[in-house]
Amino acid sequence: MRKVFIVAAILFLMICAGGALYWYRLPTPIGKIISDPRDYESKEIRIEGVVTDRVSLAVVRYFSLKDDTGEIIIITDRSLPNIDEHLRVSGHIEQSFAIGELQSVVFVESTTH
């Protein structure tokens, strides 16, 4: 009976750990997104990095987020973060334009926080 309890407890812990990893989801490297944005179309993804710039215009607010692999523009409806602030952001990517090799990829932050 004790062995059954131990096995059940171990299985329970494994299931809990798997669920925690699913909800935590490691961030996607920005460089991977920029190098092949089509792989991330229509997918909710997370990125993490340091804020390097921020801009608030009448029609749009955005900031730049940089990790070890690259930098991307984040469009947001929320208040802008501080420069050098470390953030984790969820959202989706959009390609704002592409002309030959030149392309601009932006990340639109999810508003459900």
PDB file of N, CA and C in Angstrom:
ATOM      1  N   MET A   1       0.823  -1.193   0.000  1.00  0.00           N
ATOM      2  CA  MET A   1       0.000   0.000   0.000  1.00  0.00           C
ATOM      3  C   MET A   1       0.865   1.254   0.000  1.00  0.00           C
ATOM      4  N   ARG A   2       1.973   1.191   0.736  1.00  0.00           N
ATOM      5  CA  ARG A   2       2.856   2.353   0.817  1.00  0.00           C
ATOM      6  C   ARG A   2       3.493   2.643  -0.547  1.00  0.00           C
ATOM      7  N   LYS A   3       3.844   1.578  -1.297  1.00  0.00           N
ATOM      8  CA  LYS A   3       4.438   1.759  -2.619  1.00  0.00           C
ATOM      9  C   LYS A   3       3.452   2.422  -3.576  1.00  0.00           C
ATOM     10  N   VAL A   4       2.202   2.064  -3.497  1.00  0.00           N
ATOM     11  CA  VAL A   4       1.172   2.665  -4.342  1.00  0.00           C
ATOM     12  C   VAL A   4       1.064   4.161  -4.037  1.00  0.00           C
ATOM     13  N   PHE A   5       1.090   4.508  -2.771  1.00  0.00           N
ATOM     14  CA  PHE A   5       1.018   5.912  -2.367  1.00  0.00           C
ATOM     15  C   PHE A   5       2.225   6.684  -2.897  1.00  0.00           C
ATOM     16  N   ILE A   6       3.413   6.119  -2.806  1.00  0.00           N
ATOM     17  CA  ILE A   6       4.636   6.788  -3.276  1.00  0.00           C
ATOM     18  C   ILE A   6       4.580   6.984  -4.784  1.00  0.00           C
ATOM     19  N   VAL A   7       4.161   5.959  -5.518  1.00  0.00           N
ATOM     20  CA  VAL A   7       4.051   6.067  -6.971  1.00  0.00           C
ATOM     21  C   VAL A   7       3.016   7.128  -7.345  1.00  0.00           C
ATOM     22  N   ALA A   8       1.890   7.142  -6.661  1.00  0.00           N
ATOM     23  CA  ALA A   8       0.848   8.139  -6.930  1.00  0.00           C
ATOM     24  C   ALA A   8       1.363   9.549  -6.638  1.00  0.00           C
ATOM     25  N   ALA A   9       2.108   9.704  -5.552  1.00  0.00           N
ATOM     26  CA  ALA A   9       2.659  11.017  -5.203  1.00  0.00           C
ATOM     27  C   ALA A   9       3.665  11.483  -6.256  1.00  0.00           C
ATOM     28  N   ILE A  10       4.504  10.581  -6.734  1.00  0.00           N
ATOM     29  CA  ILE A  10       5.483  10.927  -7.759  1.00  0.00           C
ATOM     30  C   ILE A  10       4.780  11.330  -9.060  1.00  0.00           C
ATOM     31  N   LEU A  11       3.768  10.579  -9.456  1.00  0.00           N
ATOM     32  CA  LEU A  11       3.011  10.920 -10.659  1.00  0.00           C
ATOM     33  C   LEU A  11       2.334  12.280 -10.520  1.00  0.00           C
ATOM     34  N   PHE A  12       1.771  12.537  -9.364  1.00  0.00           N
ATOM     35  CA  PHE A  12       1.125  13.824  -9.103  1.00  0.00           C
ATOM     36  C   PHE A  12       2.128  14.966  -9.241  1.00  0.00           C
ATOM     37  N   LEU A  13       3.302  14.817  -8.665  1.00  0.00           N
ATOM     38  CA  LEU A  13       4.334  15.853  -8.749  1.00  0.00           C
ATOM     39  C   LEU A  13       4.806  16.070 -10.185  1.00  0.00           C
ATOM     40  N   MET A  14       4.920  14.988 -10.943  1.00  0.00           N
ATOM     41  CA  MET A  14       5.331  15.109 -12.337  1.00  0.00           C
ATOM     42  C   MET A  14       4.283  15.864 -13.157  1.00  0.00           C
ATOM     43  N   ILE A  15       3.024  15.578 -12.909  1.00  0.00           N
ATOM     44  CA  ILE A  15       1.945  16.271 -13.612  1.00  0.00           C
ATOM     45  C   ILE A  15       1.941  17.749 -13.242  1.00  0.00           C
ATOM     46  N   CYS A  16       2.125  18.059 -11.986  1.00  0.00           N
ATOM     47  CA  CYS A  16       2.175  19.459 -11.542  1.00  0.00           C
ATOM     48  C   CYS A  16       3.356  20.191 -12.172  1.00  0.00           C
ATOM     49  N   ALA A  17       4.504  19.551 -12.226  1.00  0.00           N
ATOM     50  CA  ALA A  17       5.689  20.171 -12.818  1.00  0.00           C
ATOM     51  C   ALA A  17       5.478  20.427 -14.308  1.00  0.00           C
ATOM     52  N   GLY A  18       4.873  19.478 -15.000  1.00  0.00           N
ATOM     53  CA  GLY A  18       4.586  19.658 -16.424  1.00  0.00           C
ATOM     54  C   GLY A  18       3.617  20.804 -16.653  1.00  0.00           C
ATOM     55  N   GLY A  19       2.606  20.910 -15.819  1.00  0.00           N
ATOM     56  CA  GLY A  19       1.656  22.016 -15.927  1.00  0.00           C
ATOM     57  C   GLY A  19       2.320  23.360 -15.669  1.00  0.00           C
ATOM     58  N   ALA A  20       3.198  23.404 -14.682  1.00  0.00           N
ATOM     59  CA  ALA A  20       3.911  24.651 -14.377  1.00  0.00           C
ATOM     60  C   ALA A  20       4.781  25.065 -15.557  1.00  0.00           C
ATOM     61  N   LEU A  21       5.462  24.110 -16.184  1.00  0.00           N
ATOM     62  CA  LEU A  21       6.287  24.432 -17.346  1.00  0.00           C
ATOM     63  C   LEU A  21       5.433  24.914 -18.515  1.00  0.00           C
ATOM     64  N   TYR A  22       4.247  24.321 -18.672  1.00  0.00           N
ATOM     65  CA  TYR A  22       3.359  24.755 -19.751  1.00  0.00           C
ATOM     66  C   TYR A  22       2.930  26.203 -19.543  1.00  0.00           C
ATOM     67  N   TRP A  23       2.541  26.562 -18.342  1.00  0.00           N
ATOM     68  CA  TRP A  23       2.084  27.917 -18.070  1.00  0.00           C
ATOM     69  C   TRP A  23       3.226  28.913 -18.080  1.00  0.00           C
ATOM     70  N   TYR A  24       4.408  28.482 -17.672  1.00  0.00           N
ATOM     71  CA  TYR A  24       5.555  29.377 -17.609  1.00  0.00           C
ATOM     72  C   TYR A  24       6.111  29.666 -18.995  1.00  0.00           C
ATOM     73  N   ARG A  25       6.136  28.723 -19.874  1.00  0.00           N
ATOM     74  CA  ARG A  25       6.655  28.810 -21.233  1.00  0.00           C
ATOM     75  C   ARG A  25       7.888  29.698 -21.336  1.00  0.00           C
ATOM     76  N   LEU A  26       8.959  29.106 -21.707  1.00  0.00           N
ATOM     77  CA  LEU A  26      10.185  29.863 -21.899  1.00  0.00           C
ATOM     78  C   LEU A  26      10.009  30.849 -23.048  1.00  0.00           C
ATOM     79  N   PRO A  27      10.622  32.023 -22.938  1.00  0.00           N
ATOM     80  CA  PRO A  27      10.473  33.011 -24.011  1.00  0.00           C
ATOM     81  C   PRO A  27      11.167  32.578 -25.297  1.00  0.00           C
ATOM     82  N   THR A  28      10.627  33.020 -26.414  1.00  0.00           N
ATOM     83  CA  THR A  28      11.219  32.761 -27.724  1.00  0.00           C
ATOM     84  C   THR A  28      12.321  33.794 -27.969  1.00  0.00           C
ATOM     85  N   PRO A  29      13.492  33.372 -28.423  1.00  0.00           N
ATOM     86  CA  PRO A  29      14.553  34.337 -28.730  1.00  0.00           C
ATOM     87  C   PRO A  29      14.120  35.291 -29.855  1.00  0.00           C
ATOM     88  N   ILE A  30      14.354  36.567 -29.662  1.00  0.00           N
ATOM     89  CA  ILE A  30      13.951  37.576 -30.644  1.00  0.00           C
ATOM     90  C   ILE A  30      14.620  37.319 -31.990  1.00  0.00           C
ATOM     91  N   GLY A  31      15.868  36.909 -31.984  1.00  0.00           N
ATOM     92  CA  GLY A  31      16.575  36.629 -33.237  1.00  0.00           C
ATOM     93  C   GLY A  31      15.898  35.560 -34.078  1.00  0.00           C
ATOM     94  N   LYS A  32      15.307  34.545 -33.436  1.00  0.00           N
ATOM     95  CA  LYS A  32      14.584  33.495 -34.173  1.00  0.00           C
ATOM     96  C   LYS A  32      13.340  34.072 -34.839  1.00  0.00           C
ATOM     97  N   ILE A  33      12.660  34.975 -34.149  1.00  0.00           N
ATOM     98  CA  ILE A  33      11.449  35.593 -34.705  1.00  0.00           C
ATOM     99  C   ILE A  33      11.806  36.446 -35.921  1.00  0.00           C
ATOM    100  N   ILE A  34      12.844  37.253 -35.788  1.00  0.00           N
ATOM    101  CA  ILE A  34      13.247  38.149 -36.867  1.00  0.00           C
ATOM    102  C   ILE A  34      13.760  37.369 -38.078  1.00  0.00           C
ATOM    103  N   SER A  35      14.494  36.284 -37.833  1.00  0.00           N
ATOM    104  CA  SER A  35      15.062  35.525 -38.950  1.00  0.00           C
ATOM    105  C   SER A  35      14.011  34.776 -39.757  1.00  0.00           C
ATOM    106  N   ASP A  36      12.913  34.370 -39.139  1.00  0.00           N
ATOM    107  CA  ASP A  36      11.859  33.666 -39.876  1.00  0.00           C
ATOM    108  C   ASP A  36      10.494  33.966 -39.265  1.00  0.00           C
ATOM    109  N   PRO A  37       9.965  35.169 -39.505  1.00  0.00           N
ATOM    110  CA  PRO A  37       8.687  35.550 -38.892  1.00  0.00           C
ATOM    111  C   PRO A  37       7.511  34.677 -39.298  1.00  0.00           C
ATOM    112  N   ARG A  38       7.576  34.027 -40.454  1.00  0.00           N
ATOM    113  CA  ARG A  38       6.456  33.171 -40.888  1.00  0.00           C
ATOM    114  C   ARG A  38       6.229  32.006 -39.941  1.00  0.00           C
ATOM    115  N   ASP A  39       7.294  31.538 -39.282  1.00  0.00           N
ATOM    116  CA  ASP A  39       7.137  30.442 -38.319  1.00  0.00           C
ATOM    117  C   ASP A  39       6.261  30.828 -37.128  1.00  0.00           C
ATOM    118  N   TYR A  40       6.089  32.116 -36.906  1.00  0.00           N
ATOM    119  CA  TYR A  40       5.378  32.583 -35.718  1.00  0.00           C
ATOM    120  C   TYR A  40       4.060  33.273 -36.036  1.00  0.00           C
ATOM    121  N   GLU A  41       3.647  33.275 -37.309  1.00  0.00           N
ATOM    122  CA  GLU A  41       2.378  33.888 -37.686  1.00  0.00           C
ATOM    123  C   GLU A  41       1.218  33.217 -36.965  1.00  0.00           C
ATOM    124  N   SER A  42       0.286  34.020 -36.509  1.00  0.00           N
ATOM    125  CA  SER A  42      -0.944  33.552 -35.860  1.00  0.00           C
ATOM    126  C   SER A  42      -0.682  32.743 -34.593  1.00  0.00           C
ATOM    127  N   LYS A  43       0.457  32.948 -33.954  1.00  0.00           N
ATOM    128  CA  LYS A  43       0.766  32.238 -32.716  1.00  0.00           C
ATOM    129  C   LYS A  43       0.984  33.237 -31.590  1.00  0.00           C
ATOM    130  N   GLU A  44       0.456  32.926 -30.442  1.00  0.00           N
ATOM    131  CA  GLU A  44       0.727  33.713 -29.238  1.00  0.00           C
ATOM    132  C   GLU A  44       2.100  33.288 -28.733  1.00  0.00           C
ATOM    133  N   ILE A  45       3.014  34.224 -28.634  1.00  0.00           N
ATOM    134  CA  ILE A  45       4.372  33.914 -28.184  1.00  0.00           C
ATOM    135  C   ILE A  45       4.790  34.868 -27.076  1.00  0.00           C
ATOM    136  N   ARG A  46       5.843  34.477 -26.378  1.00  0.00           N
ATOM    137  CA  ARG A  46       6.424  35.308 -25.326  1.00  0.00           C
ATOM    138  C   ARG A  46       7.855  35.640 -25.690  1.00  0.00           C
ATOM    139  N   ILE A  47       8.225  36.881 -25.392  1.00  0.00           N
ATOM    140  CA  ILE A  47       9.610  37.285 -25.541  1.00  0.00           C
ATOM    141  C   ILE A  47      10.038  37.984 -24.262  1.00  0.00           C
ATOM    142  N   GLU A  48      11.335  38.071 -24.078  1.00  0.00           N
ATOM    143  CA  GLU A  48      11.865  38.668 -22.864  1.00  0.00           C
ATOM    144  C   GLU A  48      13.122  39.441 -23.212  1.00  0.00           C
ATOM    145  N   GLY A  49      13.303  40.596 -22.580  1.00  0.00           N
ATOM    146  CA  GLY A  49      14.496  41.372 -22.842  1.00  0.00           C
ATOM    147  C   GLY A  49      14.504  42.674 -22.071  1.00  0.00           C
ATOM    148  N   VAL A  50      15.383  43.568 -22.507  1.00  0.00           N
ATOM    149  CA  VAL A  50      15.578  44.864 -21.865  1.00  0.00           C
ATOM    150  C   VAL A  50      15.078  45.954 -22.797  1.00  0.00           C
ATOM    151  N   VAL A  51      14.366  46.924 -22.250  1.00  0.00           N
ATOM    152  CA  VAL A  51      13.834  48.046 -23.021  1.00  0.00           C
ATOM    153  C   VAL A  51      14.989  48.979 -23.397  1.00  0.00           C
ATOM    154  N   THR A  52      15.118  49.256 -24.711  1.00  0.00           N
ATOM    155  CA  THR A  52      16.209  50.115 -25.175  1.00  0.00           C
ATOM    156  C   THR A  52      15.726  51.470 -25.676  1.00  0.00           C
ATOM    157  N   ASP A  53      14.442  51.589 -26.005  1.00  0.00           N
ATOM    158  CA  ASP A  53      13.907  52.835 -26.536  1.00  0.00           C
ATOM    159  C   ASP A  53      12.403  52.822 -26.337  1.00  0.00           C
ATOM    160  N   ARG A  54      11.794  53.996 -26.315  1.00  0.00           N
ATOM    161  CA  ARG A  54      10.337  54.075 -26.208  1.00  0.00           C
ATOM    162  C   ARG A  54       9.845  55.336 -26.886  1.00  0.00           C
ATOM    163  N   VAL A  55       8.658  55.224 -27.509  1.00  0.00           N
ATOM    164  CA  VAL A  55       8.094  56.338 -28.268  1.00  0.00           C
ATOM    165  C   VAL A  55       6.584  56.351 -28.047  1.00  0.00           C
ATOM    166  N   SER A  56       6.055  57.556 -27.820  1.00  0.00           N
ATOM    167  CA  SER A  56       4.613  57.725 -27.693  1.00  0.00           C
ATOM    168  C   SER A  56       4.177  58.812 -28.671  1.00  0.00           C
ATOM    169  N   LEU A  57       3.452  58.406 -29.694  1.00  0.00           N
ATOM    170  CA  LEU A  57       2.902  59.344 -30.676  1.00  0.00           C
ATOM    171  C   LEU A  57       1.402  59.433 -30.454  1.00  0.00           C
ATOM    172  N   ALA A  58       0.748  60.325 -31.154  1.00  0.00           N
ATOM    173  CA  ALA A  58      -0.691  60.496 -30.978  1.00  0.00           C
ATOM    174  C   ALA A  58      -1.473  59.226 -31.292  1.00  0.00           C
ATOM    175  N   VAL A  59      -1.007  58.436 -32.250  1.00  0.00           N
ATOM    176  CA  VAL A  59      -1.770  57.272 -32.694  1.00  0.00           C
ATOM    177  C   VAL A  59      -1.195  55.931 -32.250  1.00  0.00           C
ATOM    178  N   VAL A  60       0.040  55.904 -31.771  1.00  0.00           N
ATOM    179  CA  VAL A  60       0.661  54.628 -31.423  1.00  0.00           C
ATOM    180  C   VAL A  60       1.698  54.815 -30.316  1.00  0.00           C
ATOM    181  N   ARG A  61       1.803  53.790 -29.467  1.00  0.00           N
ATOM    182  CA  ARG A  61       2.861  53.728 -28.450  1.00  0.00           C
ATOM    183  C   ARG A  61       3.667  52.474 -28.709  1.00  0.00           C
ATOM    184  N   TYR A  62       4.993  52.627 -28.682  1.00  0.00           N
ATOM    185  CA  TYR A  62       5.822  51.443 -28.871  1.00  0.00           C
ATOM    186  C   TYR A  62       7.144  51.607 -28.142  1.00  0.00           C
ATOM    187  N   PHE A  63       7.794  50.465 -27.945  1.00  0.00           N
ATOM    188  CA  PHE A  63       9.118  50.458 -27.348  1.00  0.00           C
ATOM    189  C   PHE A  63       9.933  49.345 -27.991  1.00  0.00           C
ATOM    190  N   SER A  64      11.235  49.440 -27.862  1.00  0.00           N
ATOM    191  CA  SER A  64      12.134  48.413 -28.395  1.00  0.00           C
ATOM    192  C   SER A  64      12.568  47.499 -27.274  1.00  0.00           C
ATOM    193  N   LEU A  65      12.573  46.207 -27.559  1.00  0.00           N
ATOM    194  CA  LEU A  65      12.985  45.205 -26.588  1.00  0.00           C
ATOM    195  C   LEU A  65      14.141  44.414 -27.188  1.00  0.00           C
ATOM    196  N   LYS A  66      15.205  44.244 -26.402  1.00  0.00           N
ATOM    197  CA  LYS A  66      16.410  43.592 -26.895  1.00  0.00           C
ATOM    198  C   LYS A  66      16.798  42.436 -25.982  1.00  0.00           C
ATOM    199  N   ASP A  67      17.142  41.293 -26.608  1.00  0.00           N
ATOM    200  CA  ASP A  67      17.733  40.182 -25.858  1.00  0.00           C
ATOM    201  C   ASP A  67      19.098  39.873 -26.464  1.00  0.00           C
ATOM    202  N   ASP A  68      19.696  38.771 -26.095  1.00  0.00           N
ATOM    203  CA  ASP A  68      21.029  38.422 -26.602  1.00  0.00           C
ATOM    204  C   ASP A  68      21.052  38.095 -28.084  1.00  0.00           C
ATOM    205  N   THR A  69      19.865  37.876 -28.687  1.00  0.00           N
ATOM    206  CA  THR A  69      19.816  37.432 -30.074  1.00  0.00           C
ATOM    207  C   THR A  69      19.323  38.497 -31.051  1.00  0.00           C
ATOM    208  N   GLY A  70      18.722  39.576 -30.550  1.00  0.00           N
ATOM    209  CA  GLY A  70      18.205  40.600 -31.453  1.00  0.00           C
ATOM    210  C   GLY A  70      17.361  41.628 -30.734  1.00  0.00           C
ATOM    211  N   GLU A  71      16.749  42.496 -31.533  1.00  0.00           N
ATOM    212  CA  GLU A  71      15.918  43.577 -31.009  1.00  0.00           C
ATOM    213  C   GLU A  71      14.678  43.693 -31.866  1.00  0.00           C
ATOM    214  N   ILE A  72      13.531  44.017 -31.229  1.00  0.00           N
ATOM    215  CA  ILE A  72      12.263  44.112 -31.951  1.00  0.00           C
ATOM    216  C   ILE A  72      11.434  45.241 -31.357  1.00  0.00           C
ATOM    217  N   ILE A  73      10.574  45.808 -32.190  1.00  0.00           N
ATOM    218  CA  ILE A  73       9.660  46.864 -31.744  1.00  0.00           C
ATOM    219  C   ILE A  73       8.393  46.225 -31.199  1.00  0.00           C
ATOM    220  N   ILE A  74       7.950  46.707 -30.038  1.00  0.00           N
ATOM    221  CA  ILE A  74       6.730  46.210 -29.390  1.00  0.00           C
ATOM    222  C   ILE A  74       5.681  47.315 -29.432  1.00  0.00           C
ATOM    223  N   ILE A  75       4.570  47.066 -30.089  1.00  0.00           N
ATOM    224  CA  ILE A  75       3.451  48.004 -30.091  1.00  0.00           C
ATOM    225  C   ILE A  75       2.560  47.638 -28.909  1.00  0.00           C
ATOM    226  N   THR A  76       2.153  48.656 -28.135  1.00  0.00           N
ATOM    227  CA  THR A  76       1.390  48.390 -26.923  1.00  0.00           C
ATOM    228  C   THR A  76       0.274  49.407 -26.719  1.00  0.00           C
ATOM    229  N   ASP A  77      -0.760  48.995 -25.987  1.00  0.00           N
ATOM    230  CA  ASP A  77      -1.824  49.899 -25.551  1.00  0.00           C
ATOM    231  C   ASP A  77      -1.612  50.298 -24.094  1.00  0.00           C
ATOM    232  N   ARG A  78      -0.660  49.648 -23.448  1.00  0.00           N
ATOM    233  CA  ARG A  78      -0.381  49.910 -22.031  1.00  0.00           C
ATOM    234  C   ARG A  78       0.571  51.092 -21.897  1.00  0.00           C
ATOM    235  N   SER A  79       0.810  51.530 -20.656  1.00  0.00           N
ATOM    236  CA  SER A  79       1.788  52.590 -20.451  1.00  0.00           C
ATOM    237  C   SER A  79       3.173  52.074 -20.804  1.00  0.00           C
ATOM    238  N   LEU A  80       4.016  52.974 -21.249  1.00  0.00           N
ATOM    239  CA  LEU A  80       5.340  52.589 -21.709  1.00  0.00           C
ATOM    240  C   LEU A  80       6.262  52.266 -20.534  1.00  0.00           C
ATOM    241  N   PRO A  81       7.091  51.242 -20.690  1.00  0.00           N
ATOM    242  CA  PRO A  81       8.041  50.889 -19.634  1.00  0.00           C
ATOM    243  C   PRO A  81       9.231  51.846 -19.635  1.00  0.00           C
ATOM    244  N   ASN A  82      10.026  51.775 -18.589  1.00  0.00           N
ATOM    245  CA  ASN A  82      11.232  52.590 -18.481  1.00  0.00           C
ATOM    246  C   ASN A  82      12.361  51.988 -19.306  1.00  0.00           C
ATOM    247  N   ILE A  83      13.244  52.842 -19.781  1.00  0.00           N
ATOM    248  CA  ILE A  83      14.464  52.396 -20.465  1.00  0.00           C
ATOM    249  C   ILE A  83      15.264  51.544 -19.476  1.00  0.00           C
ATOM    250  N   ASP A  84      15.879  50.484 -19.954  1.00  0.00           N
ATOM    251  CA  ASP A  84      16.672  49.518 -19.182  1.00  0.00           C
ATOM    252  C   ASP A  84      15.834  48.612 -18.274  1.00  0.00           C
ATOM    253  N   GLU A  85      14.509  48.696 -18.371  1.00  0.00           N
ATOM    254  CA  GLU A  85      13.642  47.793 -17.608  1.00  0.00           C
ATOM    255  C   GLU A  85      13.632  46.423 -18.272  1.00  0.00           C
ATOM    256  N   HIS A  86      13.695  45.367 -17.471  1.00  0.00           N
ATOM    257  CA  HIS A  86      13.648  43.997 -17.979  1.00  0.00           C
ATOM    258  C   HIS A  86      12.189  43.554 -17.994  1.00  0.00           C
ATOM    259  N   LEU A  87      11.708  43.100 -19.166  1.00  0.00           N
ATOM    260  CA  LEU A  87      10.293  42.733 -19.320  1.00  0.00           C
ATOM    261  C   LEU A  87      10.128  41.374 -19.969  1.00  0.00           C
ATOM    262  N   ARG A  88       9.010  40.760 -19.682  1.00  0.00           N
ATOM    263  CA  ARG A  88       8.521  39.579 -20.403  1.00  0.00           C
ATOM    264  C   ARG A  88       7.178  39.995 -20.989  1.00  0.00           C
ATOM    265  N   VAL A  89       7.033  39.821 -22.310  1.00  0.00           N
ATOM    266  CA  VAL A  89       5.863  40.309 -23.030  1.00  0.00           C
ATOM    267  C   VAL A  89       5.244  39.177 -23.830  1.00  0.00           C
ATOM    268  N   SER A  90       3.910  39.101 -23.816  1.00  0.00           N
ATOM    269  CA  SER A  90       3.177  38.130 -24.630  1.00  0.00           C
ATOM    270  C   SER A  90       2.461  38.865 -25.754  1.00  0.00           C
ATOM    271  N   GLY A  91       2.360  38.213 -26.907  1.00  0.00           N
ATOM    272  CA  GLY A  91       1.660  38.820 -28.020  1.00  0.00           C
ATOM    273  C   GLY A  91       1.872  38.038 -29.303  1.00  0.00           C
ATOM    274  N   HIS A  92       1.767  38.743 -30.419  1.00  0.00           N
ATOM    275  CA  HIS A  92       1.950  38.107 -31.725  1.00  0.00           C
ATOM    276  C   HIS A  92       2.761  39.037 -32.623  1.00  0.00           C
ATOM    277  N   ILE A  93       3.324  38.473 -33.675  1.00  0.00           N
ATOM    278  CA  ILE A  93       4.130  39.292 -34.568  1.00  0.00           C
ATOM    279  C   ILE A  93       3.322  39.704 -35.789  1.00  0.00           C
ATOM    280  N   GLU A  94       3.753  40.823 -36.380  1.00  0.00           N
ATOM    281  CA  GLU A  94       3.206  41.296 -37.637  1.00  0.00           C
ATOM    282  C   GLU A  94       4.360  41.806 -38.471  1.00  0.00           C
ATOM    283  N   GLN A  95       4.289  41.588 -39.747  1.00  0.00           N
ATOM    284  CA  GLN A  95       5.314  42.105 -40.644  1.00  0.00           C
ATOM    285  C   GLN A  95       4.779  43.409 -41.209  1.00  0.00           C
ATOM    286  N   SER A  96       5.403  44.538 -40.850  1.00  0.00           N
ATOM    287  CA  SER A  96       4.878  45.822 -41.283  1.00  0.00           C
ATOM    288  C   SER A  96       5.228  46.124 -42.743  1.00  0.00           C
ATOM    289  N   PHE A  97       6.402  45.674 -43.202  1.00  0.00           N
ATOM    290  CA  PHE A  97       6.721  45.779 -44.617  1.00  0.00           C
ATOM    291  C   PHE A  97       7.886  44.861 -44.959  1.00  0.00           C
ATOM    292  N   ALA A  98       7.998  44.547 -46.250  1.00  0.00           N
ATOM    293  CA  ALA A  98       9.123  43.750 -46.753  1.00  0.00           C
ATOM    294  C   ALA A  98       9.401  44.179 -48.182  1.00  0.00           C
ATOM    295  N   ILE A  99      10.650  44.559 -48.440  1.00  0.00           N
ATOM    296  CA  ILE A  99      11.096  44.929 -49.781  1.00  0.00           C
ATOM    297  C   ILE A  99      12.398  44.180 -50.015  1.00  0.00           C
ATOM    298  N   GLY A 100      12.344  43.102 -50.770  1.00  0.00           N
ATOM    299  CA  GLY A 100      13.532  42.289 -50.989  1.00  0.00           C
ATOM    300  C   GLY A 100      14.057  41.744 -49.668  1.00  0.00           C
ATOM    301  N   GLU A 101      15.322  41.992 -49.382  1.00  0.00           N
ATOM    302  CA  GLU A 101      15.941  41.532 -48.131  1.00  0.00           C
ATOM    303  C   GLU A 101      15.559  42.397 -46.942  1.00  0.00           C
ATOM    304  N   LEU A 102      15.103  43.623 -47.206  1.00  0.00           N
ATOM    305  CA  LEU A 102      14.747  44.559 -46.137  1.00  0.00           C
ATOM    306  C   LEU A 102      13.352  44.237 -45.624  1.00  0.00           C
ATOM    307  N   GLN A 103      13.245  44.027 -44.331  1.00  0.00           N
ATOM    308  CA  GLN A 103      11.936  43.756 -43.745  1.00  0.00           C
ATOM    309  C   GLN A 103      11.828  44.399 -42.369  1.00  0.00           C
ATOM    310  N   SER A 104      10.614  44.661 -41.969  1.00  0.00           N
ATOM    311  CA  SER A 104      10.352  45.195 -40.642  1.00  0.00           C
ATOM    312  C   SER A 104       9.337  44.285 -39.959  1.00  0.00           C
ATOM    313  N   VAL A 105       9.736  43.745 -38.829  1.00  0.00           N
ATOM    314  CA  VAL A 105       8.862  42.865 -38.058  1.00  0.00           C
ATOM    315  C   VAL A 105       8.562  43.564 -36.741  1.00  0.00           C
ATOM    316  N   VAL A 106       7.285  43.645 -36.386  1.00  0.00           N
ATOM    317  CA  VAL A 106       6.905  44.234 -35.112  1.00  0.00           C
ATOM    318  C   VAL A 106       6.126  43.209 -34.300  1.00  0.00           C
ATOM    319  N   PHE A 107       6.155  43.389 -33.005  1.00  0.00           N
ATOM    320  CA  PHE A 107       5.483  42.509 -32.057  1.00  0.00           C
ATOM    321  C   PHE A 107       4.352  43.301 -31.435  1.00  0.00           C
ATOM    322  N   VAL A 108       3.134  42.797 -31.489  1.00  0.00           N
ATOM    323  CA  VAL A 108       1.986  43.480 -30.918  1.00  0.00           C
ATOM    324  C   VAL A 108       1.666  42.819 -29.583  1.00  0.00           C
ATOM    325  N   GLU A 109       1.781  43.592 -28.507  1.00  0.00           N
ATOM    326  CA  GLU A 109       1.565  43.051 -27.167  1.00  0.00           C
ATOM    327  C   GLU A 109       0.091  42.726 -26.945  1.00  0.00           C
ATOM    328  N   SER A 110      -0.156  41.580 -26.314  1.00  0.00           N
ATOM    329  CA  SER A 110      -1.525  41.186 -25.960  1.00  0.00           C
ATOM    330  C   SER A 110      -2.042  42.130 -24.895  1.00  0.00           C
ATOM    331  N   THR A 111      -3.307  42.457 -24.998  1.00  0.00           N
ATOM    332  CA  THR A 111      -3.908  43.380 -24.024  1.00  0.00           C
ATOM    333  C   THR A 111      -4.554  42.649 -22.861  1.00  0.00           C
ATOM    334  N   THR A 112      -4.526  41.329 -22.854  1.00  0.00           N
ATOM    335  CA  THR A 112      -5.128  40.543 -21.775  1.00  0.00           C
ATOM    336  C   THR A 112      -4.071  40.232 -20.724  1.00  0.00           C
ATOM    337  N   HIS A 113      -3.873  41.118 -19.767  1.00  0.00           N
ATOM    338  CA  HIS A 113      -2.919  40.904 -18.668  1.00  0.00           C
ATOM    339  C   HIS A 113      -3.634  41.017 -17.354  1.00  0.00           C
TER     340      HIS A 113
END
